[in-house]
Structures are given as C-alpha cells and as structure tokens.
Amino acid sequence: MASLQEQFLKTGLVGKSKAKQANHDKSNQEKIERRTGTQSVDESRLAALETQRKNAERARELNAQRDAAATQKAIEAQIAQMVQKNRQSKGAGDIAYNFTHGNKIERLYVSASVRAHLTAGHLVIVCQGGTTELVPKIIADKIAERCASLVIRVNKASAEIDADDPYAAFQIPDDLMW
C-alpha cells in the first residue's frame, strides 16, 4: 500500500518539491526533538482531541435529554393506563359536585352514592388530558407519586374531632350544597 504522500504525488495534488520539503521539515523536527529531549506540540492534533471531547460531551447531553423525554413519556403512559383501567362510573349524574381545578370552580354531575364516596375520601378526582375521571384513593396515591398535578381533589377519609374544639358540637353536614 502506498503512503498518502505517494498517493498525492500520483494524482498530481502535490509536486515532488513540496513532498521533498515536507520530508525535510519532518526529519529536522525529529532531530531537534532528539537533541533537546522535548516533544513538540502538534496543534492540529490537540485541536482534534478537543473537538472530539466536545462532541462526546454534547452526545452525552443529548442522550441524557432523550432518556429524560423517554422516561417522562413512559410515566405519562403508566398514568393513562392506571386511569383507564381503574376509573369509576359517575353514576346517573343527577347531583352536582363542585370542586376547584386551578383557579376555577368546576362542576361534575354524579349520583348520590358516588358523591358520598367522594366526600368520604374513597374516590378521588383526577384530570388528565382535559377530562375528569374518578379513581379509587389507592390509585390516586400512585398517580400522585408520578405526577401530583393530575390529582385534583382528595378528601380526608378520617374526620377526627379535636377534644378542645369549641365547635365540635356543630358539625357541617356532608350533603350541604353550595
């Protein structure tokens, strides 16, 4: 196999005098390095190594971003599957159940038994993709671990009364409409 210099000579890209001058310069540089015992710095090689390092770092960053996006997409798919698989019926839809979503008051029409489960804390309202669904509290806790912003309304299941509460005798009824 011919060297690169010989290939350039054959194609006519480099003349004999240029090739001879390059060989002469290279041999002089090697002699100087042997006499002084120092290595010459090859700027083009250092620049190539620096470029290679920057490209590798950029590739790592892009891979990290791609992995983060894939993880987020997987989490969204898990949440969608949990909601789809465990959603509960809203019932006949004769009673309006009001709840806050962001800064707005939303209304959901549910049956009396579903409303009782919502106020007791057994069912939770989850909003995904603009639709509101009802899921059991256990599933809502799993969804909240992945993305807490999707869980809208969680009522406390236990209503313990404090002994020092002066209004303990005046309970607010659960069926109070507003």
N, C-alpha and C. Protein backbone atom coordinates (compact mmCIF):
# COMPACT_ATOMS: atom_id res chain seq x y z
N MET A 1 0.85 -1.18 0.00
CA MET A 1 0.00 0.00 0.00
C MET A 1 0.89 1.23 0.00
N ALA A 2 0.58 2.13 -0.83
CA ALA A 2 1.37 3.36 -0.96
C ALA A 2 0.99 4.33 0.14
N SER A 3 1.94 5.14 0.55
CA SER A 3 1.66 6.12 1.59
C SER A 3 0.78 7.23 1.02
N LEU A 4 0.27 8.03 1.91
CA LEU A 4 -0.59 9.13 1.50
C LEU A 4 0.16 10.11 0.62
N GLN A 5 1.43 10.30 0.97
CA GLN A 5 2.26 11.22 0.18
C GLN A 5 2.43 10.69 -1.25
N GLU A 6 2.66 9.41 -1.38
CA GLU A 6 2.80 8.82 -2.71
C GLU A 6 1.50 8.90 -3.50
N GLN A 7 0.37 8.72 -2.81
CA GLN A 7 -0.92 8.83 -3.48
C GLN A 7 -1.15 10.25 -3.99
N PHE A 8 -0.77 11.25 -3.18
CA PHE A 8 -0.89 12.65 -3.62
C PHE A 8 0.00 12.93 -4.82
N LEU A 9 1.20 12.35 -4.82
CA LEU A 9 2.11 12.54 -5.96
C LEU A 9 1.53 11.94 -7.23
N LYS A 10 0.96 10.74 -7.13
CA LYS A 10 0.39 10.08 -8.30
C LYS A 10 -0.79 10.86 -8.89
N THR A 11 -1.63 11.43 -8.00
CA THR A 11 -2.79 12.15 -8.51
C THR A 11 -2.44 13.54 -8.98
N GLY A 12 -1.26 14.04 -8.62
CA GLY A 12 -0.85 15.36 -9.06
C GLY A 12 -1.28 16.47 -8.14
N LEU A 13 -1.75 16.13 -6.95
CA LEU A 13 -2.16 17.16 -6.00
C LEU A 13 -0.95 17.85 -5.35
N VAL A 14 0.16 17.12 -5.26
CA VAL A 14 1.36 17.66 -4.64
C VAL A 14 2.53 17.39 -5.61
N GLY A 15 3.41 18.39 -5.72
CA GLY A 15 4.58 18.21 -6.56
C GLY A 15 5.70 17.54 -5.79
N LYS A 16 6.77 17.10 -6.54
CA LYS A 16 7.91 16.43 -5.90
C LYS A 16 8.64 17.37 -4.94
N SER A 17 8.73 18.62 -5.30
CA SER A 17 9.47 19.56 -4.45
C SER A 17 8.73 19.78 -3.12
N LYS A 18 7.41 19.85 -3.17
CA LYS A 18 6.63 20.02 -1.92
C LYS A 18 6.77 18.79 -1.04
N ALA A 19 6.73 17.59 -1.62
CA ALA A 19 6.86 16.36 -0.86
C ALA A 19 8.25 16.28 -0.23
N LYS A 20 9.28 16.66 -1.02
CA LYS A 20 10.64 16.63 -0.50
C LYS A 20 10.80 17.62 0.64
N GLN A 21 10.21 18.81 0.50
CA GLN A 21 10.29 19.83 1.55
C GLN A 21 9.59 19.35 2.82
N ALA A 22 8.44 18.69 2.69
CA ALA A 22 7.72 18.18 3.86
C ALA A 22 8.52 17.12 4.58
N ASN A 23 9.18 16.21 3.83
CA ASN A 23 10.03 15.19 4.44
C ASN A 23 11.21 15.82 5.15
N HIS A 24 11.80 16.84 4.53
CA HIS A 24 12.95 17.52 5.13
C HIS A 24 12.55 18.20 6.43
N ASP A 25 11.42 18.89 6.43
CA ASP A 25 10.95 19.58 7.64
C ASP A 25 10.65 18.58 8.77
N LYS A 26 10.05 17.47 8.40
CA LYS A 26 9.72 16.45 9.39
C LYS A 26 10.97 15.85 10.00
N SER A 27 11.96 15.56 9.19
CA SER A 27 13.20 14.97 9.72
C SER A 27 13.95 15.98 10.58
N ASN A 28 13.96 17.26 10.19
CA ASN A 28 14.59 18.29 11.03
C ASN A 28 13.90 18.40 12.38
N GLN A 29 12.60 18.34 12.37
CA GLN A 29 11.86 18.42 13.63
C GLN A 29 12.18 17.24 14.53
N GLU A 30 12.31 16.03 13.95
CA GLU A 30 12.65 14.84 14.74
C GLU A 30 14.05 14.97 15.31
N LYS A 31 15.00 15.52 14.56
CA LYS A 31 16.37 15.71 15.05
C LYS A 31 16.40 16.66 16.22
N ILE A 32 15.65 17.75 16.10
CA ILE A 32 15.60 18.74 17.19
C ILE A 32 15.00 18.11 18.44
N GLU A 33 13.98 17.31 18.27
CA GLU A 33 13.35 16.66 19.42
C GLU A 33 14.31 15.68 20.10
N ARG A 34 15.10 14.96 19.30
CA ARG A 34 16.05 14.01 19.89
C ARG A 34 17.16 14.73 20.64
N ARG A 35 17.64 15.85 20.11
CA ARG A 35 18.73 16.59 20.77
C ARG A 35 18.27 17.21 22.08
N THR A 36 17.11 17.86 22.05
CA THR A 36 16.66 18.58 23.24
C THR A 36 15.90 17.67 24.21
N GLY A 37 15.38 16.57 23.73
CA GLY A 37 14.65 15.66 24.61
C GLY A 37 13.24 16.14 24.90
N THR A 38 12.72 17.06 24.14
CA THR A 38 11.36 17.56 24.35
C THR A 38 10.48 17.14 23.19
N GLN A 39 9.23 17.08 23.48
CA GLN A 39 8.24 16.75 22.45
C GLN A 39 7.65 18.04 21.90
N SER A 40 7.48 18.10 20.62
CA SER A 40 6.85 19.27 20.03
C SER A 40 5.33 19.13 20.16
N VAL A 41 4.68 20.24 20.25
CA VAL A 41 3.23 20.24 20.41
C VAL A 41 2.60 20.32 19.02
N ASP A 42 1.77 19.35 18.76
CA ASP A 42 1.07 19.32 17.48
C ASP A 42 -0.30 19.96 17.68
N GLU A 43 -0.42 21.22 17.24
CA GLU A 43 -1.65 21.99 17.48
C GLU A 43 -2.86 21.36 16.80
N SER A 44 -2.66 20.84 15.62
CA SER A 44 -3.80 20.24 14.92
C SER A 44 -4.30 19.00 15.65
N ARG A 45 -3.38 18.22 16.21
CA ARG A 45 -3.78 17.03 16.96
C ARG A 45 -4.51 17.41 18.24
N LEU A 46 -4.00 18.45 18.93
CA LEU A 46 -4.67 18.92 20.14
C LEU A 46 -6.05 19.48 19.82
N ALA A 47 -6.17 20.20 18.73
CA ALA A 47 -7.47 20.74 18.34
C ALA A 47 -8.44 19.61 18.00
N ALA A 48 -7.94 18.58 17.34
CA ALA A 48 -8.80 17.44 17.01
C ALA A 48 -9.26 16.72 18.27
N LEU A 49 -8.36 16.56 19.25
CA LEU A 49 -8.74 15.91 20.51
C LEU A 49 -9.77 16.74 21.27
N GLU A 50 -9.59 18.07 21.25
CA GLU A 50 -10.53 18.96 21.93
C GLU A 50 -11.90 18.89 21.25
N THR A 51 -11.92 18.88 19.94
CA THR A 51 -13.18 18.77 19.21
C THR A 51 -13.86 17.44 19.50
N GLN A 52 -13.07 16.38 19.56
CA GLN A 52 -13.62 15.06 19.86
C GLN A 52 -14.21 15.03 21.27
N ARG A 53 -13.54 15.67 22.22
CA ARG A 53 -14.03 15.73 23.60
C ARG A 53 -15.34 16.51 23.66
N LYS A 54 -15.42 17.64 22.96
CA LYS A 54 -16.64 18.44 22.96
C LYS A 54 -17.79 17.69 22.32
N ASN A 55 -17.50 16.97 21.23
CA ASN A 55 -18.55 16.18 20.57
C ASN A 55 -19.07 15.07 21.48
N ALA A 56 -18.16 14.44 22.21
CA ALA A 56 -18.57 13.38 23.13
C ALA A 56 -19.44 13.94 24.26
N GLU A 57 -19.06 15.12 24.77
CA GLU A 57 -19.83 15.75 25.83
C GLU A 57 -21.22 16.14 25.32
N ARG A 58 -21.29 16.67 24.14
CA ARG A 58 -22.57 17.05 23.55
C ARG A 58 -23.44 15.81 23.32
N ALA A 59 -22.83 14.73 22.87
CA ALA A 59 -23.58 13.49 22.66
C ALA A 59 -24.14 12.96 23.98
N ARG A 60 -23.35 13.06 25.06
CA ARG A 60 -23.84 12.63 26.38
C ARG A 60 -25.03 13.47 26.82
N GLU A 61 -24.95 14.79 26.60
CA GLU A 61 -26.06 15.67 26.97
C GLU A 61 -27.31 15.33 26.18
N LEU A 62 -27.16 15.12 24.88
CA LEU A 62 -28.31 14.77 24.04
C LEU A 62 -28.91 13.43 24.46
N ASN A 63 -28.07 12.47 24.81
CA ASN A 63 -28.56 11.17 25.28
C ASN A 63 -29.32 11.32 26.58
N ALA A 64 -28.81 12.17 27.48
CA ALA A 64 -29.50 12.40 28.76
C ALA A 64 -30.86 13.04 28.52
N GLN A 65 -30.93 14.00 27.59
CA GLN A 65 -32.22 14.63 27.28
C GLN A 65 -33.18 13.62 26.66
N ARG A 66 -32.68 12.79 25.78
CA ARG A 66 -33.51 11.78 25.12
C ARG A 66 -34.02 10.77 26.15
N ASP A 67 -33.16 10.38 27.08
CA ASP A 67 -33.57 9.44 28.12
C ASP A 67 -34.63 10.06 29.03
N ALA A 68 -34.45 11.35 29.37
CA ALA A 68 -35.42 12.03 30.23
C ALA A 68 -36.78 12.13 29.53
N ALA A 69 -36.77 12.42 28.25
CA ALA A 69 -38.03 12.50 27.50
C ALA A 69 -38.70 11.13 27.42
N ALA A 70 -37.92 10.09 27.22
CA ALA A 70 -38.48 8.74 27.16
C ALA A 70 -39.05 8.33 28.51
N THR A 71 -38.38 8.69 29.59
CA THR A 71 -38.87 8.38 30.93
C THR A 71 -40.18 9.12 31.20
N GLN A 72 -40.24 10.39 30.82
CA GLN A 72 -41.46 11.17 31.02
C GLN A 72 -42.62 10.58 30.21
N LYS A 73 -42.33 10.16 29.00
CA LYS A 73 -43.37 9.56 28.16
C LYS A 73 -43.86 8.24 28.77
N ALA A 74 -42.95 7.46 29.33
CA ALA A 74 -43.32 6.21 29.98
C ALA A 74 -44.20 6.46 31.20
N ILE A 75 -43.86 7.49 31.97
CA ILE A 75 -44.66 7.83 33.16
C ILE A 75 -46.06 8.26 32.74
N GLU A 76 -46.15 9.07 31.68
CA GLU A 76 -47.47 9.50 31.20
C GLU A 76 -48.29 8.31 30.73
N ALA A 77 -47.64 7.35 30.08
CA ALA A 77 -48.35 6.16 29.63
C ALA A 77 -48.83 5.32 30.81
N GLN A 78 -48.00 5.22 31.85
CA GLN A 78 -48.41 4.48 33.05
C GLN A 78 -49.62 5.13 33.70
N ILE A 79 -49.60 6.45 33.80
CA ILE A 79 -50.71 7.17 34.41
C ILE A 79 -51.98 6.97 33.59
N ALA A 80 -51.86 7.10 32.28
CA ALA A 80 -53.03 6.92 31.42
C ALA A 80 -53.61 5.51 31.56
N GLN A 81 -52.73 4.53 31.66
CA GLN A 81 -53.18 3.15 31.81
C GLN A 81 -53.88 2.95 33.16
N MET A 82 -53.30 3.53 34.23
CA MET A 82 -53.92 3.39 35.55
C MET A 82 -55.30 4.03 35.58
N VAL A 83 -55.42 5.22 35.00
CA VAL A 83 -56.71 5.91 34.99
C VAL A 83 -57.71 5.12 34.16
N GLN A 84 -57.30 4.67 32.99
CA GLN A 84 -58.21 3.93 32.11
C GLN A 84 -58.68 2.63 32.74
N LYS A 85 -57.77 1.95 33.41
CA LYS A 85 -58.09 0.65 33.98
C LYS A 85 -58.93 0.75 35.25
N ASN A 86 -58.75 1.82 36.04
CA ASN A 86 -59.37 1.90 37.35
C ASN A 86 -60.41 3.00 37.49
N ARG A 87 -60.83 3.61 36.40
CA ARG A 87 -61.80 4.69 36.53
C ARG A 87 -63.15 4.13 36.98
N GLN A 88 -63.85 4.94 37.75
CA GLN A 88 -65.13 4.56 38.30
C GLN A 88 -66.25 5.31 37.58
N SER A 89 -67.41 4.74 37.57
CA SER A 89 -68.57 5.36 36.94
C SER A 89 -69.02 6.56 37.77
N LYS A 90 -69.51 7.59 37.09
CA LYS A 90 -70.01 8.77 37.79
C LYS A 90 -71.47 8.62 38.20
N GLY A 91 -72.06 7.55 37.80
CA GLY A 91 -73.45 7.29 38.17
C GLY A 91 -74.41 7.94 37.20
N ALA A 92 -75.67 8.13 37.66
CA ALA A 92 -76.72 8.69 36.81
C ALA A 92 -76.47 10.16 36.51
N GLY A 93 -75.76 10.86 37.38
CA GLY A 93 -75.42 12.25 37.13
C GLY A 93 -76.51 13.23 37.47
N ASP A 94 -77.18 13.06 38.61
CA ASP A 94 -78.27 13.95 38.98
C ASP A 94 -77.87 14.99 40.04
N ILE A 95 -76.73 14.82 40.69
CA ILE A 95 -76.28 15.74 41.73
C ILE A 95 -74.99 16.41 41.26
N ALA A 96 -74.95 17.72 41.42
CA ALA A 96 -73.75 18.47 41.02
C ALA A 96 -72.74 18.43 42.17
N TYR A 97 -71.51 18.05 41.86
CA TYR A 97 -70.43 18.05 42.84
C TYR A 97 -69.42 19.09 42.38
N ASN A 98 -69.23 20.11 43.19
CA ASN A 98 -68.34 21.22 42.84
C ASN A 98 -66.95 20.98 43.43
N PHE A 99 -65.93 21.31 42.64
CA PHE A 99 -64.55 21.21 43.10
C PHE A 99 -63.73 22.27 42.38
N THR A 100 -62.57 22.58 42.95
CA THR A 100 -61.71 23.59 42.34
C THR A 100 -60.63 22.91 41.52
N HIS A 101 -60.40 23.45 40.34
CA HIS A 101 -59.33 22.97 39.46
C HIS A 101 -58.54 24.19 39.04
N GLY A 102 -57.37 24.35 39.64
CA GLY A 102 -56.59 25.57 39.41
C GLY A 102 -57.28 26.72 40.12
N ASN A 103 -57.67 27.74 39.36
CA ASN A 103 -58.38 28.88 39.93
C ASN A 103 -59.86 28.86 39.59
N LYS A 104 -60.33 27.81 38.97
CA LYS A 104 -61.73 27.73 38.55
C LYS A 104 -62.49 26.72 39.40
N ILE A 105 -63.76 26.99 39.53
CA ILE A 105 -64.65 26.04 40.19
C ILE A 105 -65.31 25.22 39.10
N GLU A 106 -65.08 23.93 39.14
CA GLU A 106 -65.63 23.01 38.15
C GLU A 106 -66.81 22.27 38.76
N ARG A 107 -67.66 21.75 37.91
CA ARG A 107 -68.84 21.02 38.35
C ARG A 107 -68.84 19.64 37.67
N LEU A 108 -69.13 18.63 38.47
CA LEU A 108 -69.19 17.27 37.98
C LEU A 108 -70.52 16.68 38.46
N TYR A 109 -71.29 16.14 37.53
CA TYR A 109 -72.59 15.57 37.88
C TYR A 109 -72.42 14.09 38.19
N VAL A 110 -72.78 13.73 39.42
CA VAL A 110 -72.60 12.35 39.89
C VAL A 110 -73.87 11.87 40.59
N SER A 111 -73.90 10.58 40.88
CA SER A 111 -75.04 10.02 41.62
C SER A 111 -74.81 10.25 43.12
N ALA A 112 -75.83 9.97 43.91
CA ALA A 112 -75.75 10.20 45.35
C ALA A 112 -74.70 9.30 46.00
N SER A 113 -74.64 8.05 45.58
CA SER A 113 -73.66 7.14 46.19
C SER A 113 -72.23 7.54 45.82
N VAL A 114 -72.02 7.98 44.59
CA VAL A 114 -70.68 8.41 44.18
C VAL A 114 -70.29 9.68 44.94
N ARG A 115 -71.26 10.58 45.14
CA ARG A 115 -70.99 11.80 45.91
C ARG A 115 -70.59 11.44 47.35
N ALA A 116 -71.27 10.45 47.91
CA ALA A 116 -70.93 10.02 49.27
C ALA A 116 -69.51 9.46 49.32
N HIS A 117 -69.12 8.71 48.30
CA HIS A 117 -67.75 8.19 48.25
C HIS A 117 -66.73 9.31 48.06
N LEU A 118 -67.08 10.33 47.28
CA LEU A 118 -66.17 11.46 47.09
C LEU A 118 -65.97 12.23 48.39
N THR A 119 -67.05 12.50 49.11
CA THR A 119 -66.93 13.25 50.36
C THR A 119 -66.25 12.44 51.45
N ALA A 120 -66.41 11.11 51.40
CA ALA A 120 -65.76 10.25 52.39
C ALA A 120 -64.27 10.06 52.09
N GLY A 121 -63.85 10.37 50.87
CA GLY A 121 -62.44 10.24 50.51
C GLY A 121 -62.09 8.91 49.88
N HIS A 122 -63.07 8.11 49.56
CA HIS A 122 -62.80 6.82 48.92
C HIS A 122 -62.52 6.97 47.43
N LEU A 123 -63.12 7.97 46.80
CA LEU A 123 -62.88 8.26 45.39
C LEU A 123 -62.17 9.61 45.27
N VAL A 124 -61.35 9.74 44.25
CA VAL A 124 -60.57 10.95 44.03
C VAL A 124 -60.77 11.40 42.59
N ILE A 125 -60.81 12.72 42.39
CA ILE A 125 -60.96 13.28 41.05
C ILE A 125 -59.58 13.47 40.45
N VAL A 126 -59.40 12.95 39.23
CA VAL A 126 -58.14 13.06 38.51
C VAL A 126 -58.44 13.69 37.15
N CYS A 127 -57.67 14.69 36.76
CA CYS A 127 -57.86 15.34 35.47
C CYS A 127 -56.66 15.02 34.59
N GLN A 128 -56.96 14.35 33.47
CA GLN A 128 -55.89 14.01 32.53
C GLN A 128 -56.38 14.30 31.12
N GLY A 129 -55.64 15.12 30.42
CA GLY A 129 -55.98 15.42 29.05
C GLY A 129 -57.30 16.17 28.91
N GLY A 130 -57.66 16.99 29.88
CA GLY A 130 -58.88 17.77 29.80
C GLY A 130 -60.13 17.04 30.25
N THR A 131 -60.03 15.78 30.59
CA THR A 131 -61.18 15.03 31.08
C THR A 131 -61.00 14.72 32.55
N THR A 132 -62.11 14.71 33.26
CA THR A 132 -62.06 14.38 34.69
C THR A 132 -62.58 12.97 34.87
N GLU A 133 -61.85 12.22 35.64
CA GLU A 133 -62.21 10.83 35.93
C GLU A 133 -62.18 10.62 37.44
N LEU A 134 -62.92 9.63 37.88
CA LEU A 134 -62.93 9.24 39.29
C LEU A 134 -62.16 7.93 39.43
N VAL A 135 -61.21 7.91 40.37
CA VAL A 135 -60.43 6.70 40.63
C VAL A 135 -60.39 6.46 42.13
N PRO A 136 -60.15 5.23 42.55
CA PRO A 136 -60.01 4.95 43.99
C PRO A 136 -58.80 5.68 44.58
N LYS A 137 -58.84 5.91 45.87
CA LYS A 137 -57.79 6.66 46.55
C LYS A 137 -56.43 5.99 46.41
N ILE A 138 -56.38 4.68 46.45
CA ILE A 138 -55.10 3.96 46.33
C ILE A 138 -54.45 4.25 44.98
N ILE A 139 -55.24 4.24 43.93
CA ILE A 139 -54.72 4.52 42.58
C ILE A 139 -54.31 5.99 42.49
N ALA A 140 -55.08 6.88 43.11
CA ALA A 140 -54.75 8.30 43.09
C ALA A 140 -53.42 8.56 43.79
N ASP A 141 -53.13 7.81 44.85
CA ASP A 141 -51.84 7.95 45.54
C ASP A 141 -50.70 7.53 44.62
N LYS A 142 -50.90 6.47 43.84
CA LYS A 142 -49.87 6.03 42.89
C LYS A 142 -49.68 7.05 41.78
N ILE A 143 -50.79 7.65 41.34
CA ILE A 143 -50.69 8.69 40.31
C ILE A 143 -49.99 9.92 40.86
N ALA A 144 -50.27 10.28 42.10
CA ALA A 144 -49.64 11.45 42.72
C ALA A 144 -48.14 11.25 42.89
N GLU A 145 -47.69 10.02 43.08
CA GLU A 145 -46.25 9.75 43.16
C GLU A 145 -45.57 10.10 41.84
N ARG A 146 -46.26 9.84 40.75
CA ARG A 146 -45.67 10.06 39.42
C ARG A 146 -45.86 11.50 38.97
N CYS A 147 -47.05 12.07 39.18
CA CYS A 147 -47.33 13.45 38.77
C CYS A 147 -48.45 13.99 39.66
N ALA A 148 -48.09 14.78 40.65
CA ALA A 148 -49.05 15.25 41.64
C ALA A 148 -50.04 16.26 41.05
N SER A 149 -49.70 16.91 39.94
CA SER A 149 -50.58 17.93 39.39
C SER A 149 -51.85 17.35 38.76
N LEU A 150 -51.88 16.07 38.47
CA LEU A 150 -53.06 15.46 37.86
C LEU A 150 -54.15 15.16 38.88
N VAL A 151 -53.78 14.96 40.13
CA VAL A 151 -54.76 14.65 41.18
C VAL A 151 -55.36 15.96 41.65
N ILE A 152 -56.68 16.11 41.48
CA ILE A 152 -57.32 17.39 41.76
C ILE A 152 -57.89 17.46 43.16
N ARG A 153 -58.68 16.48 43.52
CA ARG A 153 -59.41 16.59 44.77
C ARG A 153 -59.25 15.33 45.59
N VAL A 154 -58.71 15.49 46.80
CA VAL A 154 -58.58 14.38 47.73
C VAL A 154 -59.19 14.82 49.06
N ASN A 155 -60.31 14.21 49.43
CA ASN A 155 -60.91 14.49 50.73
C ASN A 155 -60.29 13.57 51.77
N LYS A 156 -60.15 14.06 52.96
CA LYS A 156 -59.60 13.26 54.05
C LYS A 156 -60.62 12.20 54.46
N ALA A 157 -60.16 10.97 54.55
CA ALA A 157 -61.06 9.86 54.87
C ALA A 157 -61.48 9.87 56.33
N SER A 158 -60.61 10.32 57.21
CA SER A 158 -60.96 10.30 58.63
C SER A 158 -61.29 11.70 59.10
N ALA A 159 -62.34 11.82 59.84
CA ALA A 159 -62.78 13.11 60.37
C ALA A 159 -62.69 13.06 61.89
N GLU A 160 -61.47 13.14 62.41
CA GLU A 160 -61.28 13.09 63.85
C GLU A 160 -61.62 14.45 64.45
N ILE A 161 -62.26 14.41 65.59
CA ILE A 161 -62.69 15.63 66.25
C ILE A 161 -61.73 15.90 67.40
N ASP A 162 -61.22 17.11 67.44
CA ASP A 162 -60.31 17.52 68.49
C ASP A 162 -61.11 17.75 69.78
N ALA A 163 -60.58 17.32 70.90
CA ALA A 163 -61.30 17.43 72.18
C ALA A 163 -61.43 18.88 72.62
N ASP A 164 -60.49 19.74 72.24
CA ASP A 164 -60.53 21.15 72.65
C ASP A 164 -61.29 22.04 71.67
N ASP A 165 -61.88 21.48 70.65
CA ASP A 165 -62.56 22.26 69.62
C ASP A 165 -63.89 22.78 70.17
N PRO A 166 -64.07 24.12 70.22
CA PRO A 166 -65.33 24.66 70.76
C PRO A 166 -66.51 24.43 69.81
N TYR A 167 -66.25 24.13 68.55
CA TYR A 167 -67.32 23.92 67.58
C TYR A 167 -67.54 22.43 67.29
N ALA A 168 -67.08 21.57 68.16
CA ALA A 168 -67.20 20.13 67.95
C ALA A 168 -68.67 19.69 67.90
N ALA A 169 -69.53 20.38 68.62
CA ALA A 169 -70.94 20.01 68.64
C ALA A 169 -71.67 20.47 67.39
N PHE A 170 -71.05 21.35 66.61
CA PHE A 170 -71.69 21.92 65.41
C PHE A 170 -71.00 21.37 64.16
N GLN A 171 -71.41 20.20 63.75
CA GLN A 171 -70.81 19.56 62.58
C GLN A 171 -71.43 20.09 61.30
N ILE A 172 -70.62 20.22 60.28
CA ILE A 172 -71.11 20.64 58.96
C ILE A 172 -71.60 19.39 58.26
N PRO A 173 -72.80 19.42 57.76
CA PRO A 173 -73.32 18.22 57.09
C PRO A 173 -72.60 17.98 55.75
N ASP A 174 -72.45 16.71 55.40
CA ASP A 174 -71.77 16.36 54.16
C ASP A 174 -72.60 16.67 52.92
N ASP A 175 -73.90 16.74 53.08
CA ASP A 175 -74.76 16.97 51.93
C ASP A 175 -75.08 18.44 51.73
N LEU A 176 -74.31 19.33 52.34
CA LEU A 176 -74.52 20.76 52.20
C LEU A 176 -74.21 21.17 50.76
N MET A 177 -75.16 21.77 50.11
CA MET A 177 -74.98 22.20 48.72
C MET A 177 -74.57 23.67 48.71
N TRP A 178 -73.66 24.05 47.85
CA TRP A 178 -73.25 25.45 47.75
C TRP A 178 -73.30 25.94 46.35
